[in-house]
Protein backbone atom coordinates (compact mmCIF):
# COMPACT_ATOMS: atom_id res chain seq x y z
CA UNK A 1 14.70 -15.76 -12.64
CA UNK A 2 12.69 -14.47 -9.53
CA UNK A 3 14.52 -11.88 -7.69
CA UNK A 4 15.42 -13.80 -4.44
CA UNK A 5 18.27 -15.39 -6.63
CA UNK A 6 18.81 -12.75 -9.41
CA UNK A 7 20.13 -10.48 -5.43
CA UNK A 8 21.50 -14.06 -4.69
CA UNK A 9 24.04 -13.87 -7.71
CA UNK A 10 24.16 -9.90 -8.58
CA UNK A 11 25.94 -10.44 -4.53
CA UNK A 12 28.26 -12.83 -5.28
CA UNK A 13 29.31 -11.11 -8.52
CA UNK A 14 29.85 -7.88 -5.77
CA UNK A 15 31.81 -9.98 -3.40
CA UNK A 16 33.94 -11.26 -6.23
CA UNK A 17 34.52 -7.58 -7.70
CA UNK A 18 36.20 -6.55 -4.71
CA UNK A 19 37.93 -9.58 -3.98
CA UNK A 20 36.04 -11.68 -1.94
CA UNK A 21 33.51 -11.58 0.73
CA UNK A 22 34.93 -10.66 3.78
CA UNK A 23 36.36 -7.35 1.41
CA UNK A 24 32.54 -6.75 0.46
CA UNK A 25 31.59 -6.90 4.25
CA UNK A 26 34.09 -4.73 5.28
CA UNK A 27 32.89 -1.92 2.23
CA UNK A 28 29.32 -2.50 3.53
CA UNK A 29 30.56 -2.26 6.54
CA UNK A 30 28.96 -5.19 7.40
CA UNK A 31 30.24 -8.82 8.86
CA UNK A 32 31.58 -11.31 6.40
CA UNK A 33 29.14 -12.77 8.58
CA UNK A 34 26.51 -11.99 7.29
CA UNK A 35 27.36 -11.96 3.58
CA UNK A 36 27.80 -15.89 4.46
CA UNK A 37 24.18 -16.02 5.66
CA UNK A 38 23.44 -14.38 2.01
CA UNK A 39 25.78 -15.93 -0.63
CA UNK A 40 27.33 -18.81 1.45
CA UNK A 41 27.53 -22.63 0.09
CA UNK A 42 24.67 -23.42 3.15
CA UNK A 43 23.04 -19.40 3.41
CA UNK A 44 20.22 -19.10 4.96
CA UNK A 45 19.17 -15.03 5.49
CA UNK A 46 17.79 -13.61 2.17
CA UNK A 47 18.59 -10.39 0.94
CA UNK A 48 15.52 -7.90 1.57
CA UNK A 49 13.99 -4.25 -0.14
CA UNK A 50 15.84 -2.79 2.74
CA UNK A 51 19.09 -3.89 2.57
CA UNK A 52 19.79 -4.87 -1.47
CA UNK A 53 18.56 -0.43 -2.03
CA UNK A 54 21.55 -0.32 1.18
CA UNK A 55 23.92 -1.62 -0.62
CA UNK A 56 23.11 -0.56 -3.87
CA UNK A 57 23.50 3.00 -2.55
CA UNK A 58 26.78 2.28 -0.70
CA UNK A 59 28.49 1.11 -4.03
CA UNK A 60 26.82 3.96 -5.87
CA UNK A 61 25.36 0.98 -7.81
CA UNK A 62 21.91 2.47 -9.67
CA UNK A 63 18.21 2.08 -6.92
CA UNK A 64 17.23 -1.82 -8.37
CA UNK A 65 20.59 -2.58 -9.54
CA UNK A 66 21.00 -6.43 -7.55
CA UNK A 67 17.31 -6.99 -8.80
CA UNK A 68 18.79 -7.18 -12.97
CA UNK A 69 19.94 -8.63 -14.98
CA UNK A 70 24.06 -8.29 -16.43
CA UNK A 71 25.88 -9.27 -19.01
CA UNK A 72 29.25 -11.04 -18.12
CA UNK A 73 31.44 -8.71 -19.24
CA UNK A 74 34.17 -10.37 -21.91
CA UNK A 75 36.88 -8.37 -20.88
CA UNK A 76 40.21 -9.27 -18.51
CA UNK A 77 39.96 -6.29 -16.13
CA UNK A 78 43.61 -6.94 -15.89
CA UNK A 79 44.73 -6.31 -19.15
CA UNK A 80 42.19 -3.60 -19.14
CA UNK A 81 44.09 -1.69 -16.47
CA UNK A 82 47.59 -2.22 -18.15
CA UNK A 83 46.21 -1.13 -20.85
CA UNK A 84 44.96 2.77 -20.11
CA UNK A 85 48.09 3.04 -17.83
CA UNK A 86 49.72 2.68 -20.55
CA UNK A 87 48.28 5.00 -22.56
CA UNK A 88 47.85 7.49 -20.09
CA UNK A 89 51.53 7.35 -19.39
CA UNK A 90 51.94 7.96 -23.20
CA UNK A 91 49.95 10.74 -22.59
CA UNK A 92 51.84 12.50 -19.80
CA UNK A 93 54.49 12.14 -21.92
CA UNK A 94 53.52 13.86 -24.97
CA UNK A 95 52.35 16.72 -22.32
CA UNK A 96 48.83 16.49 -23.53
CA UNK A 97 46.26 17.64 -20.86
CA UNK A 98 43.11 15.74 -20.76
CA UNK A 99 40.12 18.01 -19.34
CA UNK A 100 36.80 15.99 -18.45
CA UNK A 101 33.85 18.03 -18.68
CA UNK A 102 30.74 17.26 -16.56
CA UNK A 103 27.98 15.33 -18.13
CA UNK A 104 25.41 16.29 -20.38
CA UNK A 105 21.69 16.15 -18.76
């Protein structure tokens, strides 16, 4: 798949993740019309290299994320969050303290 299509699909996936194009635009400090020009039904713009890297930086994504193919998860995010909250609640009730070590480099 060419980079233009891949970036458009990945940007649409990010819009879905953030609850829509408007929310993504706010997160990026951009207008909804700018996002619509990139991923809308009648999109008229392409996402350039500089803008792609800037989006990745703002969202804390790795460099090149927008240019890569990503597997779609079959995990239901709401179910995952509910499960984690249940587990963390049980841990707290048990009086257990979690210490998260920094990643090893």
